[in-house]
PDB file of N, CA and C in Angstrom:
ATOM      1  N   MET A   1     -26.487  20.518-169.734  1.00  0.00           N
ATOM      2  CA  MET A   1     -25.920  20.605-170.913  1.00  0.00           C
ATOM      3  C   MET A   1     -24.813  19.606-170.991  1.00  0.00           C
ATOM      4  N   ARG A   2     -24.361  19.072-172.238  1.00  0.00           N
ATOM      5  CA  ARG A   2     -23.708  18.237-172.694  1.00  0.00           C
ATOM      6  C   ARG A   2     -22.234  18.669-173.086  1.00  0.00           C
ATOM      7  N   ILE A   3     -21.118  17.844-172.411  1.00  0.00           N
ATOM      8  CA  ILE A   3     -19.658  18.365-172.710  1.00  0.00           C
ATOM      9  C   ILE A   3     -19.135  17.702-173.983  1.00  0.00           C
ATOM     10  N   ALA A   4     -19.294  18.380-174.829  1.00  0.00           N
ATOM     11  CA  ALA A   4     -18.463  18.049-176.390  1.00  0.00           C
ATOM     12  C   ALA A   4     -16.934  17.535-176.044  1.00  0.00           C
ATOM     13  N   ILE A   5     -16.585  16.600-176.610  1.00  0.00           N
ATOM     14  CA  ILE A   5     -15.277  16.254-176.358  1.00  0.00           C
ATOM     15  C   ILE A   5     -14.259  16.910-177.383  1.00  0.00           C
ATOM     16  N   LYS A   6     -14.854  17.048-178.460  1.00  0.00           N
ATOM     17  CA  LYS A   6     -14.139  17.336-179.817  1.00  0.00           C
ATOM     18  C   LYS A   6     -13.865  19.048-179.656  1.00  0.00           C
ATOM     19  N   ASN A   7     -12.893  19.527-179.887  1.00  0.00           N
ATOM     20  CA  ASN A   7     -12.990  21.234-180.170  1.00  0.00           C
ATOM     21  C   ASN A   7     -14.268  21.744-180.978  1.00  0.00           C
ATOM     22  N   ASN A   8     -14.135  20.989-182.244  1.00  0.00           N
ATOM     23  CA  ASN A   8     -14.993  21.588-183.251  1.00  0.00           C
ATOM     24  C   ASN A   8     -16.556  21.718-182.253  1.00  0.00           C
ATOM     25  N   SER A   9     -16.783  20.718-181.651  1.00  0.00           N
ATOM     26  CA  SER A   9     -18.241  20.367-181.343  1.00  0.00           C
ATOM     27  C   SER A   9     -18.358  21.632-180.058  1.00  0.00           C
ATOM     28  N   VAL A  10     -17.489  21.661-179.395  1.00  0.00           N
ATOM     29  CA  VAL A  10     -17.716  22.669-178.486  1.00  0.00           C
ATOM     30  C   VAL A  10     -18.009  24.025-179.176  1.00  0.00           C
ATOM     31  N   GLN A  11     -17.013  24.460-180.043  1.00  0.00           N
ATOM     32  CA  GLN A  11     -17.431  25.718-180.668  1.00  0.00           C
ATOM     33  C   GLN A  11     -18.769  25.901-181.304  1.00  0.00           C
ATOM     34  N   GLU A  12     -19.150  24.708-181.911  1.00  0.00           N
ATOM     35  CA  GLU A  12     -20.610  24.626-182.627  1.00  0.00           C
ATOM     36  C   GLU A  12     -21.457  24.981-181.615  1.00  0.00           C
ATOM     37  N   GLU A  13     -21.483  24.099-180.147  1.00  0.00           N
ATOM     38  CA  GLU A  13     -22.560  24.300-179.294  1.00  0.00           C
ATOM     39  C   GLU A  13     -22.903  25.775-178.931  1.00  0.00           C
ATOM     40  N   SER A  14     -21.056  26.488-178.563  1.00  0.00           N
ATOM     41  CA  SER A  14     -21.460  27.825-178.109  1.00  0.00           C
ATOM     42  C   SER A  14     -22.164  28.883-179.344  1.00  0.00           C
ATOM     43  N   GLN A  15     -21.968  28.296-180.397  1.00  0.00           N
ATOM     44  CA  GLN A  15     -22.383  29.207-181.399  1.00  0.00           C
ATOM     45  C   GLN A  15     -23.957  28.926-181.649  1.00  0.00           C
ATOM     46  N   ILE A  16     -24.399  28.021-181.199  1.00  0.00           N
ATOM     47  CA  ILE A  16     -25.921  27.487-181.085  1.00  0.00           C
ATOM     48  C   ILE A  16     -26.474  28.273-179.818  1.00  0.00           C
ATOM     49  N   LYS A  17     -25.784  28.365-178.929  1.00  0.00           N
ATOM     50  CA  LYS A  17     -26.428  28.988-177.738  1.00  0.00           C
ATOM     51  C   LYS A  17     -26.422  30.418-178.012  1.00  0.00           C
ATOM     52  N   GLN A  18     -25.618  30.851-178.465  1.00  0.00           N
ATOM     53  CA  GLN A  18     -25.234  32.324-178.972  1.00  0.00           C
ATOM     54  C   GLN A  18     -26.728  32.756-180.027  1.00  0.00           C
ATOM     55  N   GLU A  19     -26.698  32.202-180.976  1.00  0.00           N
ATOM     56  CA  GLU A  19     -27.891  32.557-181.677  1.00  0.00           C
ATOM     57  C   GLU A  19     -29.348  32.024-181.105  1.00  0.00           C
ATOM     58  N   LEU A  20     -29.500  30.996-179.971  1.00  0.00           N
ATOM     59  CA  LEU A  20     -30.801  31.092-179.228  1.00  0.00           C
ATOM     60  C   LEU A  20     -30.915  32.050-178.643  1.00  0.00           C
ATOM     61  N   PHE A  21     -29.667  32.984-177.749  1.00  0.00           N
ATOM     62  CA  PHE A  21     -29.745  33.875-177.035  1.00  0.00           C
ATOM     63  C   PHE A  21     -30.195  34.958-177.791  1.00  0.00           C
ATOM     64  N   LYS A  22     -29.697  35.428-179.157  1.00  0.00           N
ATOM     65  CA  LYS A  22     -30.027  36.328-180.343  1.00  0.00           C
ATOM     66  C   LYS A  22     -31.563  36.207-180.534  1.00  0.00           C
ATOM     67  N   LYS A  23     -32.347  34.761-180.604  1.00  0.00           N
ATOM     68  CA  LYS A  23     -33.491  34.951-180.921  1.00  0.00           C
ATOM     69  C   LYS A  23     -34.206  35.097-179.851  1.00  0.00           C
ATOM     70  N   LEU A  24     -33.949  34.962-178.659  1.00  0.00           N
ATOM     71  CA  LEU A  24     -34.537  34.880-177.245  1.00  0.00           C
ATOM     72  C   LEU A  24     -34.863  36.760-177.393  1.00  0.00           C
ATOM     73  N   GLN A  25     -33.516  37.486-177.545  1.00  0.00           N
ATOM     74  CA  GLN A  25     -33.692  38.864-177.129  1.00  0.00           C
ATOM     75  C   GLN A  25     -34.315  39.570-178.324  1.00  0.00           C
ATOM     76  N   LYS A  26     -34.306  38.740-179.349  1.00  0.00           N
ATOM     77  CA  LYS A  26     -35.475  39.501-180.578  1.00  0.00           C
ATOM     78  C   LYS A  26     -36.751  39.115-180.319  1.00  0.00           C
ATOM     79  N   THR A  27     -36.820  38.412-179.701  1.00  0.00           N
ATOM     80  CA  THR A  27     -38.604  38.048-179.095  1.00  0.00           C
ATOM     81  C   THR A  27     -38.977  39.232-178.460  1.00  0.00           C
ATOM     82  N   PRO A  28     -40.256  39.387-178.819  1.00  0.00           N
ATOM     83  CA  PRO A  28     -40.937  40.514-177.568  1.00  0.00           C
ATOM     84  C   PRO A  28     -41.235  39.862-176.290  1.00  0.00           C
ATOM     85  N   ILE A  29     -41.351  40.784-175.346  1.00  0.00           N
ATOM     86  CA  ILE A  29     -41.271  40.263-173.662  1.00  0.00           C
ATOM     87  C   ILE A  29     -42.364  39.447-173.699  1.00  0.00           C
ATOM     88  N   ASN A  30     -43.909  40.242-174.144  1.00  0.00           N
ATOM     89  CA  ASN A  30     -45.213  39.515-174.041  1.00  0.00           C
ATOM     90  C   ASN A  30     -45.047  38.195-174.686  1.00  0.00           C
ATOM     91  N   ASN A  31     -44.563  37.734-175.890  1.00  0.00           N
ATOM     92  CA  ASN A  31     -44.237  36.663-176.704  1.00  0.00           C
ATOM     93  C   ASN A  31     -43.531  35.543-175.801  1.00  0.00           C
ATOM     94  N   HIS A  32     -42.424  36.298-175.255  1.00  0.00           N
ATOM     95  CA  HIS A  32     -41.821  35.332-174.242  1.00  0.00           C
ATOM     96  C   HIS A  32     -42.256  34.648-173.245  1.00  0.00           C
ATOM     97  N   GLN A  33     -43.281  35.748-172.674  1.00  0.00           N
ATOM     98  CA  GLN A  33     -43.914  35.073-171.503  1.00  0.00           C
ATOM     99  C   GLN A  33     -44.865  34.065-171.461  1.00  0.00           C
ATOM    100  N   HIS A  34     -45.657  34.403-172.703  1.00  0.00           N
ATOM    101  CA  HIS A  34     -46.644  33.303-173.273  1.00  0.00           C
ATOM    102  C   HIS A  34     -45.845  32.115-173.607  1.00  0.00           C
ATOM    103  N   THR A  35     -45.029  32.169-174.143  1.00  0.00           N
ATOM    104  CA  THR A  35     -44.071  30.705-174.206  1.00  0.00           C
ATOM    105  C   THR A  35     -43.589  30.249-173.123  1.00  0.00           C
ATOM    106  N   SER A  36     -43.263  30.985-172.029  1.00  0.00           N
ATOM    107  CA  SER A  36     -42.742  30.132-170.481  1.00  0.00           C
ATOM    108  C   SER A  36     -44.200  29.593-170.109  1.00  0.00           C
ATOM    109  N   MET A  37     -45.031  30.174-170.242  1.00  0.00           N
ATOM    110  CA  MET A  37     -46.511  29.935-169.769  1.00  0.00           C
ATOM    111  C   MET A  37     -46.729  28.556-170.410  1.00  0.00           C
ATOM    112  N   HIS A  38     -46.719  28.549-171.512  1.00  0.00           N
ATOM    113  CA  HIS A  38     -47.003  27.257-172.228  1.00  0.00           C
ATOM    114  C   HIS A  38     -46.453  26.077-171.896  1.00  0.00           C
ATOM    115  N   ILE A  39     -44.848  26.142-171.637  1.00  0.00           N
ATOM    116  CA  ILE A  39     -44.220  25.275-171.131  1.00  0.00           C
ATOM    117  C   ILE A  39     -44.696  24.807-169.789  1.00  0.00           C
ATOM    118  N   THR A  40     -44.600  25.574-168.854  1.00  0.00           N
ATOM    119  CA  THR A  40     -44.966  25.458-167.560  1.00  0.00           C
ATOM    120  C   THR A  40     -46.367  24.499-167.609  1.00  0.00           C
ATOM    121  N   ALA A  41     -47.147  24.944-168.458  1.00  0.00           N
ATOM    122  CA  ALA A  41     -48.328  24.236-168.133  1.00  0.00           C
ATOM    123  C   ALA A  41     -48.460  22.893-168.872  1.00  0.00           C
ATOM    124  N   LEU A  42     -47.517  22.514-169.832  1.00  0.00           N
ATOM    125  CA  LEU A  42     -47.022  21.409-170.087  1.00  0.00           C
ATOM    126  C   LEU A  42     -46.751  20.679-169.362  1.00  0.00           C
ATOM    127  N   LEU A  43     -45.596  21.334-168.509  1.00  0.00           N
ATOM    128  CA  LEU A  43     -44.981  20.078-167.533  1.00  0.00           C
ATOM    129  C   LEU A  43     -46.033  19.898-166.322  1.00  0.00           C
ATOM    130  N   ILE A  44     -46.917  20.824-166.062  1.00  0.00           N
ATOM    131  CA  ILE A  44     -48.112  20.436-164.952  1.00  0.00           C
ATOM    132  C   ILE A  44     -48.795  19.257-165.471  1.00  0.00           C
ATOM    133  N   THR A  45     -49.145  19.406-167.016  1.00  0.00           N
ATOM    134  CA  THR A  45     -50.000  18.469-167.211  1.00  0.00           C
ATOM    135  C   THR A  45     -49.531  16.945-167.076  1.00  0.00           C
ATOM    136  N   ILE A  46     -47.928  17.229-167.735  1.00  0.00           N
ATOM    137  CA  ILE A  46     -46.993  15.520-167.844  1.00  0.00           C
ATOM    138  C   ILE A  46     -47.125  15.031-166.400  1.00  0.00           C
ATOM    139  N   GLN A  47     -46.801  15.757-165.286  1.00  0.00           N
ATOM    140  CA  GLN A  47     -46.976  15.614-163.869  1.00  0.00           C
ATOM    141  C   GLN A  47     -48.174  14.920-163.320  1.00  0.00           C
ATOM    142  N   LEU A  48     -49.172  15.702-163.616  1.00  0.00           N
ATOM    143  CA  LEU A  48     -50.507  15.308-163.385  1.00  0.00           C
ATOM    144  C   LEU A  48     -50.794  13.934-164.135  1.00  0.00           C
ATOM    145  N   PHE A  49     -50.069  13.402-165.169  1.00  0.00           N
ATOM    146  CA  PHE A  49     -50.540  12.405-165.946  1.00  0.00           C
ATOM    147  C   PHE A  49     -49.802  11.311-165.436  1.00  0.00           C
ATOM    148  N   SER A  50     -48.607  11.474-165.092  1.00  0.00           N
ATOM    149  CA  SER A  50     -47.710  10.625-164.476  1.00  0.00           C
ATOM    150  C   SER A  50     -48.117  10.077-162.974  1.00  0.00           C
ATOM    151  N   THR A  51     -48.832  10.814-162.270  1.00  0.00           N
ATOM    152  CA  THR A  51     -49.063  10.538-160.949  1.00  0.00           C
ATOM    153  C   THR A  51     -50.548   9.675-160.874  1.00  0.00           C
ATOM    154  N   HIS A  52     -51.239   9.996-161.797  1.00  0.00           N
ATOM    155  CA  HIS A  52     -52.349   9.236-161.804  1.00  0.00           C
ATOM    156  C   HIS A  52     -52.415   7.986-162.490  1.00  0.00           C
ATOM    157  N   ARG A  53     -50.953   7.544-162.913  1.00  0.00           N
ATOM    158  CA  ARG A  53     -51.136   6.014-163.256  1.00  0.00           C
ATOM    159  C   ARG A  53     -50.576   5.097-162.029  1.00  0.00           C
TER     160      ARG A  53
END
């Protein structure tokens, strides 16, 4: 996480985090698991490609 110097941007950042959290809460568990699986698969693919070079 990046630390904001100005008071304003700190407030903005926390607001963004809160909104993200709300979105996550609204997302069905099934869908959330699917998304995290996608991210994991992407990370594995990236690792495989970088090791083959």
